[in-house]
C-alpha atoms as a PDB file:
ATOM      1  CA  MET A   1      56.566  63.604  99.031  1.00  0.00           C
ATOM      2  CA  SER A   2      56.763  60.897 101.663  1.00  0.00           C
ATOM      3  CA  LYS A   3      55.209  61.646 105.034  1.00  0.00           C
ATOM      4  CA  GLY A   4      57.202  59.046 106.905  1.00  0.00           C
ATOM      5  CA  LYS A   5      60.821  57.980 106.759  1.00  0.00           C
ATOM      6  CA  PRO A   6      63.178  59.802 104.360  1.00  0.00           C
ATOM      7  CA  LEU A   7      62.586  58.360 100.882  1.00  0.00           C
ATOM      8  CA  SER A   8      65.184  58.698  98.135  1.00  0.00           C
ATOM      9  CA  LEU A   9      65.313  57.521  94.556  1.00  0.00           C
ATOM     10  CA  ILE A  10      68.837  56.280  93.746  1.00  0.00           C
ATOM     11  CA  VAL A  11      69.826  55.806  90.114  1.00  0.00           C
ATOM     12  CA  ALA A  12      72.608  56.142  87.543  1.00  0.00           C
ATOM     13  CA  THR A  13      71.454  57.928  84.372  1.00  0.00           C
ATOM     14  CA  LEU A  14      73.061  58.738  81.042  1.00  0.00           C
ATOM     15  CA  PHE A  15      73.083  62.504  80.580  1.00  0.00           C
ATOM     16  CA  PRO A  16      71.572  64.562  79.168  1.00  0.00           C
ATOM     17  CA  GLU A  17      68.792  62.121  78.159  1.00  0.00           C
ATOM     18  CA  PHE A  18      68.243  60.571  81.625  1.00  0.00           C
ATOM     19  CA  GLY A  19      68.630  57.106  80.086  1.00  0.00           C
ATOM     20  CA  ILE A  20      68.764  54.271  82.604  1.00  0.00           C
ATOM     21  CA  GLY A  21      68.891  51.026  80.648  1.00  0.00           C
ATOM     22  CA  PHE A  22      68.990  49.005  77.454  1.00  0.00           C
ATOM     23  CA  LYS A  23      67.203  45.664  77.002  1.00  0.00           C
ATOM     24  CA  ASN A  24      66.573  45.346  80.756  1.00  0.00           C
ATOM     25  CA  ALA A  25      70.256  45.806  81.626  1.00  0.00           C
ATOM     26  CA  LEU A  26      72.727  48.556  82.428  1.00  0.00           C
ATOM     27  CA  PRO A  27      74.885  49.588  79.451  1.00  0.00           C
ATOM     28  CA  TRP A  28      77.912  50.050  81.731  1.00  0.00           C
ATOM     29  CA  LYS A  29      79.821  48.425  84.569  1.00  0.00           C
ATOM     30  CA  LEU A  30      81.011  51.171  86.899  1.00  0.00           C
ATOM     31  CA  ARG A  31      82.781  49.598  89.856  1.00  0.00           C
ATOM     32  CA  ASN A  32      83.050  52.754  91.970  1.00  0.00           C
ATOM     33  CA  GLU A  33      79.443  53.675  91.236  1.00  0.00           C
ATOM     34  CA  MET A  34      78.324  50.274  92.548  1.00  0.00           C
ATOM     35  CA  LYS A  35      80.513  50.808  95.628  1.00  0.00           C
ATOM     36  CA  TYR A  36      78.843  54.198  96.163  1.00  0.00           C
ATOM     37  CA  PHE A  37      75.375  52.604  95.866  1.00  0.00           C
ATOM     38  CA  LYS A  38      76.287  50.009  98.493  1.00  0.00           C
ATOM     39  CA  THR A  39      77.767  52.605 100.870  1.00  0.00           C
ATOM     40  CA  VAL A  40      74.783  54.959 100.567  1.00  0.00           C
ATOM     41  CA  THR A  41      72.136  52.272 100.974  1.00  0.00           C
ATOM     42  CA  THR A  42      73.815  50.498 103.910  1.00  0.00           C
ATOM     43  CA  ASN A  43      74.857  53.622 105.874  1.00  0.00           C
ATOM     44  CA  ALA A  44      72.571  53.599 108.943  1.00  0.00           C
ATOM     45  CA  PRO A  45      72.957  54.227 112.703  1.00  0.00           C
ATOM     46  CA  THR A  46      73.738  51.283 114.973  1.00  0.00           C
ATOM     47  CA  GLY A  47      70.652  49.173 115.583  1.00  0.00           C
ATOM     48  CA  HIS A  48      69.006  50.352 112.356  1.00  0.00           C
ATOM     49  CA  GLN A  49      69.093  49.383 108.714  1.00  0.00           C
ATOM     50  CA  ASN A  50      67.879  50.910 105.468  1.00  0.00           C
ATOM     51  CA  ALA A  51      65.331  49.438 103.082  1.00  0.00           C
ATOM     52  CA  VAL A  52      65.776  49.156  99.309  1.00  0.00           C
ATOM     53  CA  ILE A  53      62.583  48.904  97.241  1.00  0.00           C
ATOM     54  CA  MET A  54      62.670  47.293  93.820  1.00  0.00           C
ATOM     55  CA  GLY A  55      60.367  45.774  91.226  1.00  0.00           C
ATOM     56  CA  ARG A  56      60.310  42.051  90.475  1.00  0.00           C
ATOM     57  CA  ASN A  57      62.431  42.365  87.310  1.00  0.00           C
ATOM     58  CA  THR A  58      65.138  44.265  89.190  1.00  0.00           C
ATOM     59  CA  TRP A  59      65.088  41.649  91.954  1.00  0.00           C
ATOM     60  CA  GLU A  60      65.388  38.817  89.438  1.00  0.00           C
ATOM     61  CA  SER A  61      68.200  40.617  87.573  1.00  0.00           C
ATOM     62  CA  ILE A  62      70.404  40.390  90.698  1.00  0.00           C
ATOM     63  CA  PRO A  63      72.408  37.139  90.511  1.00  0.00           C
ATOM     64  CA  ALA A  64      70.976  34.634  93.010  1.00  0.00           C
ATOM     65  CA  LYS A  65      74.245  34.434  94.962  1.00  0.00           C
ATOM     66  CA  PHE A  66      74.025  38.198  95.675  1.00  0.00           C
ATOM     67  CA  ARG A  67      70.370  38.139  96.778  1.00  0.00           C
ATOM     68  CA  PRO A  68      69.168  39.520  99.064  1.00  0.00           C
ATOM     69  CA  LEU A  69      71.412  42.586  99.125  1.00  0.00           C
ATOM     70  CA  PRO A  70      73.161  42.267 102.509  1.00  0.00           C
ATOM     71  CA  ASN A  71      72.657  44.597 105.481  1.00  0.00           C
ATOM     72  CA  ARG A  72      69.474  46.073 103.996  1.00  0.00           C
ATOM     73  CA  LEU A  73      65.814  45.111 104.067  1.00  0.00           C
ATOM     74  CA  ASN A  74      65.034  44.066 100.474  1.00  0.00           C
ATOM     75  CA  VAL A  75      61.473  45.035  99.516  1.00  0.00           C
ATOM     76  CA  ILE A  76      60.040  43.602  96.296  1.00  0.00           C
ATOM     77  CA  ILE A  77      56.976  45.159  94.641  1.00  0.00           C
ATOM     78  CA  SER A  78      55.108  42.536  92.621  1.00  0.00           C
ATOM     79  CA  SER A  79      51.551  41.362  92.128  1.00  0.00           C
ATOM     80  CA  THR A  80      52.794  37.846  91.301  1.00  0.00           C
ATOM     81  CA  LEU A  81      55.261  37.432  94.190  1.00  0.00           C
ATOM     82  CA  SER A  82      53.293  39.248  96.897  1.00  0.00           C
ATOM     83  CA  ASN A  83      51.760  35.999  98.169  1.00  0.00           C
ATOM     84  CA  LEU A  84      55.213  34.700  99.160  1.00  0.00           C
ATOM     85  CA  PRO A  85      55.975  34.733 102.898  1.00  0.00           C
ATOM     86  CA  ASN A  86      58.270  37.484 104.159  1.00  0.00           C
ATOM     87  CA  GLU A  87      61.733  36.410 105.278  1.00  0.00           C
ATOM     88  CA  ASP A  88      64.153  38.200 107.597  1.00  0.00           C
ATOM     89  CA  ASN A  89      65.611  40.456 104.927  1.00  0.00           C
ATOM     90  CA  VAL A  90      63.084  40.066 102.097  1.00  0.00           C
ATOM     91  CA  HIS A  91      59.532  41.443 102.156  1.00  0.00           C
ATOM     92  CA  TYR A  92      56.968  41.346  99.337  1.00  0.00           C
ATOM     93  CA  TYR A  93      54.178  43.873  98.655  1.00  0.00           C
ATOM     94  CA  ASN A  94      51.573  44.474  95.938  1.00  0.00           C
ATOM     95  CA  THR A  95      52.205  48.219  95.696  1.00  0.00           C
ATOM     96  CA  VAL A  96      54.907  50.669  96.664  1.00  0.00           C
ATOM     97  CA  GLU A  97      52.335  52.560  98.746  1.00  0.00           C
ATOM     98  CA  SER A  98      51.576  49.485 100.882  1.00  0.00           C
ATOM     99  CA  ALA A  99      55.327  48.874 101.274  1.00  0.00           C
ATOM    100  CA  LEU A 100      55.895  52.458 102.434  1.00  0.00           C
ATOM    101  CA  ASP A 101      53.040  52.185 104.951  1.00  0.00           C
ATOM    102  CA  ALA A 102      54.631  49.050 106.397  1.00  0.00           C
ATOM    103  CA  LEU A 103      58.171  50.493 106.427  1.00  0.00           C
ATOM    104  CA  ASN A 104      57.026  53.683 108.146  1.00  0.00           C
ATOM    105  CA  SER A 105      55.778  51.597 111.064  1.00  0.00           C
ATOM    106  CA  MET A 106      59.100  49.742 111.488  1.00  0.00           C
ATOM    107  CA  ASP A 107      61.226  51.376 114.195  1.00  0.00           C
ATOM    108  CA  THR A 108      64.469  49.782 113.006  1.00  0.00           C
ATOM    109  CA  ILE A 109      64.262  51.181 109.434  1.00  0.00           C
ATOM    110  CA  HIS A 110      66.321  54.367 109.033  1.00  0.00           C
ATOM    111  CA  ARG A 111      65.997  55.414 105.355  1.00  0.00           C
ATOM    112  CA  VAL A 112      64.199  54.006 102.325  1.00  0.00           C
ATOM    113  CA  PHE A 113      65.630  53.899  98.786  1.00  0.00           C
ATOM    114  CA  ILE A 114      63.837  53.244  95.487  1.00  0.00           C
ATOM    115  CA  MET A 115      66.318  51.324  93.301  1.00  0.00           C
ATOM    116  CA  GLY A 116      64.382  50.459  90.132  1.00  0.00           C
ATOM    117  CA  GLY A 117      63.336  49.539  87.612  1.00  0.00           C
ATOM    118  CA  ALA A 118      61.950  52.212  85.315  1.00  0.00           C
ATOM    119  CA  GLN A 119      58.254  51.611  86.014  1.00  0.00           C
ATOM    120  CA  LEU A 120      58.790  51.892  89.779  1.00  0.00           C
ATOM    121  CA  TYR A 121      61.079  54.923  89.414  1.00  0.00           C
ATOM    122  CA  ASN A 122      58.594  56.801  87.257  1.00  0.00           C
ATOM    123  CA  HIS A 123      55.609  55.849  89.427  1.00  0.00           C
ATOM    124  CA  CYS A 124      57.375  57.264  92.492  1.00  0.00           C
ATOM    125  CA  LEU A 125      58.471  60.367  90.582  1.00  0.00           C
ATOM    126  CA  TYR A 126      55.137  61.272  89.000  1.00  0.00           C
ATOM    127  CA  ASN A 127      53.287  60.664  92.257  1.00  0.00           C
ATOM    128  CA  LYS A 128      55.843  62.803  94.142  1.00  0.00           C
ATOM    129  CA  LEU A 129      56.496  60.038  96.642  1.00  0.00           C
ATOM    130  CA  VAL A 130      60.242  60.728  96.841  1.00  0.00           C
ATOM    131  CA  ASP A 131      61.837  63.561  98.816  1.00  0.00           C
ATOM    132  CA  ASP A 132      65.047  63.574  96.830  1.00  0.00           C
ATOM    133  CA  LEU A 133      66.888  61.994  93.928  1.00  0.00           C
ATOM    134  CA  LEU A 134      70.410  60.637  94.297  1.00  0.00           C
ATOM    135  CA  ILE A 135      71.413  60.713  90.641  1.00  0.00           C
ATOM    136  CA  THR A 136      74.757  59.559  89.320  1.00  0.00           C
ATOM    137  CA  GLU A 137      75.132  61.646  86.162  1.00  0.00           C
ATOM    138  CA  VAL A 138      76.937  59.495  83.597  1.00  0.00           C
ATOM    139  CA  TYR A 139      78.505  60.963  80.447  1.00  0.00           C
ATOM    140  CA  SER A 140      80.077  59.107  77.536  1.00  0.00           C
ATOM    141  CA  ASN A 141      83.707  60.053  76.892  1.00  0.00           C
ATOM    142  CA  SER A 142      83.482  58.926  73.300  1.00  0.00           C
ATOM    143  CA  GLN A 143      81.956  61.129  70.604  1.00  0.00           C
ATOM    144  CA  ASP A 144      82.104  58.223  68.146  1.00  0.00           C
ATOM    145  CA  VAL A 145      80.291  55.535  70.128  1.00  0.00           C
ATOM    146  CA  GLU A 146      76.592  55.983  70.762  1.00  0.00           C
ATOM    147  CA  VAL A 147      75.444  54.467  74.068  1.00  0.00           C
ATOM    148  CA  PRO A 148      72.266  52.468  73.354  1.00  0.00           C
ATOM    149  CA  MET A 149      69.302  53.347  75.597  1.00  0.00           C
ATOM    150  CA  ASP A 150      65.676  52.272  75.471  1.00  0.00           C
ATOM    151  CA  THR A 151      64.568  53.077  79.043  1.00  0.00           C
ATOM    152  CA  PHE A 152      64.397  56.580  80.486  1.00  0.00           C
ATOM    153  CA  LEU A 153      63.398  58.556  83.550  1.00  0.00           C
ATOM    154  CA  GLY A 154      60.909  61.420  83.100  1.00  0.00           C
ATOM    155  CA  LYS A 155      63.493  64.098  82.237  1.00  0.00           C
ATOM    156  CA  GLU A 156      61.102  67.042  81.805  1.00  0.00           C
ATOM    157  CA  PHE A 157      59.233  66.141  84.981  1.00  0.00           C
ATOM    158  CA  ILE A 158      62.473  65.994  86.977  1.00  0.00           C
ATOM    159  CA  LEU A 159      63.755  69.314  85.616  1.00  0.00           C
ATOM    160  CA  ASP A 160      60.363  70.982  86.255  1.00  0.00           C
ATOM    161  CA  ASN A 161      59.929  69.659  89.798  1.00  0.00           C
ATOM    162  CA  TYR A 162      63.400  69.098  91.242  1.00  0.00           C
ATOM    163  CA  THR A 163      66.484  71.285  91.693  1.00  0.00           C
ATOM    164  CA  LYS A 164      70.064  70.047  91.576  1.00  0.00           C
ATOM    165  CA  THR A 165      71.760  70.962  94.857  1.00  0.00           C
ATOM    166  CA  SER A 166      75.337  71.874  95.722  1.00  0.00           C
ATOM    167  CA  ARG A 167      78.143  69.441  96.454  1.00  0.00           C
ATOM    168  CA  ASP A 168      78.019  70.531 100.125  1.00  0.00           C
ATOM    169  CA  ALA A 169      74.314  69.663 100.305  1.00  0.00           C
ATOM    170  CA  LEU A 170      75.052  66.212  98.865  1.00  0.00           C
ATOM    171  CA  GLU A 171      77.779  65.562 101.441  1.00  0.00           C
ATOM    172  CA  GLN A 172      75.558  66.753 104.293  1.00  0.00           C
ATOM    173  CA  HIS A 173      72.694  64.576 103.042  1.00  0.00           C
ATOM    174  CA  LEU A 174      74.878  61.461 102.784  1.00  0.00           C
ATOM    175  CA  GLY A 175      76.867  62.015 105.961  1.00  0.00           C
ATOM    176  CA  PHE A 176      80.130  61.333 104.119  1.00  0.00           C
ATOM    177  CA  LYS A 177      82.227  62.768 101.264  1.00  0.00           C
ATOM    178  CA  PRO A 178      81.787  60.787  98.047  1.00  0.00           C
ATOM    179  CA  ASP A 179      84.455  60.836  95.344  1.00  0.00           C
ATOM    180  CA  GLU A 180      84.536  63.759  92.941  1.00  0.00           C
ATOM    181  CA  LYS A 181      83.888  63.355  89.202  1.00  0.00           C
ATOM    182  CA  GLN A 182      85.636  60.223  87.954  1.00  0.00           C
ATOM    183  CA  THR A 183      86.292  58.151  84.855  1.00  0.00           C
ATOM    184  CA  GLU A 184      85.843  54.422  84.274  1.00  0.00           C
ATOM    185  CA  GLY A 185      86.322  52.977  80.821  1.00  0.00           C
ATOM    186  CA  THR A 186      84.529  55.166  78.274  1.00  0.00           C
ATOM    187  CA  PHE A 187      82.362  56.873  80.906  1.00  0.00           C
ATOM    188  CA  GLN A 188      82.762  59.856  83.190  1.00  0.00           C
ATOM    189  CA  TYR A 189      80.358  60.362  86.078  1.00  0.00           C
ATOM    190  CA  GLU A 190      79.596  62.329  89.215  1.00  0.00           C
ATOM    191  CA  PHE A 191      77.275  61.900  92.195  1.00  0.00           C
ATOM    192  CA  THR A 192      74.527  64.490  92.604  1.00  0.00           C
ATOM    193  CA  LEU A 193      71.489  65.262  94.759  1.00  0.00           C
ATOM    194  CA  TYR A 194      68.213  66.742  93.458  1.00  0.00           C
ATOM    195  CA  LYS A 195      65.553  68.052  95.858  1.00  0.00           C
ATOM    196  CA  LEU A 196      61.845  68.753  95.287  1.00  0.00           C
ATOM    197  CA  LYS A 197      61.283  72.434  94.490  1.00  0.00           C
END
């Protein structure tokens, strides 16, 4: 568990397997889920901003015209990029631990979000660095079409160490009321909050 600023892992996962990707990409395009991600990660008091931490592959998977993600401090964890100079909204670190140390000393940072990929997610999970998990639970509406997945979160670890909270707890945590369960294309999904037991 983090000892500094609130640290959340934010992710969309295919249930019940906790699948998060296929061939280094998302197997869905969920417009409202992306809107939710943006709202959650940019929602900060006046004079503050949030930080989003990602691995190099996740950073490079964002189209160049959308990088850095606006209105957030973009933190990239990479041994190969960490010698690059920090810019206004982009900072580079060797490890997530060194990034968290730096972020905890920044007065203007409100919350910190881990946004992928799988290696970074699982490192933060298994080392109990995150206070809570903002999981979008995605379900396939089609019995006939199998959703391909080759990348997963540690399902057993999550279920053993975290508890899914109520809808009220999610709303209180976020400071706003997200949409209820919804459908896009062949997927149905809902926003949830898991807390360390």
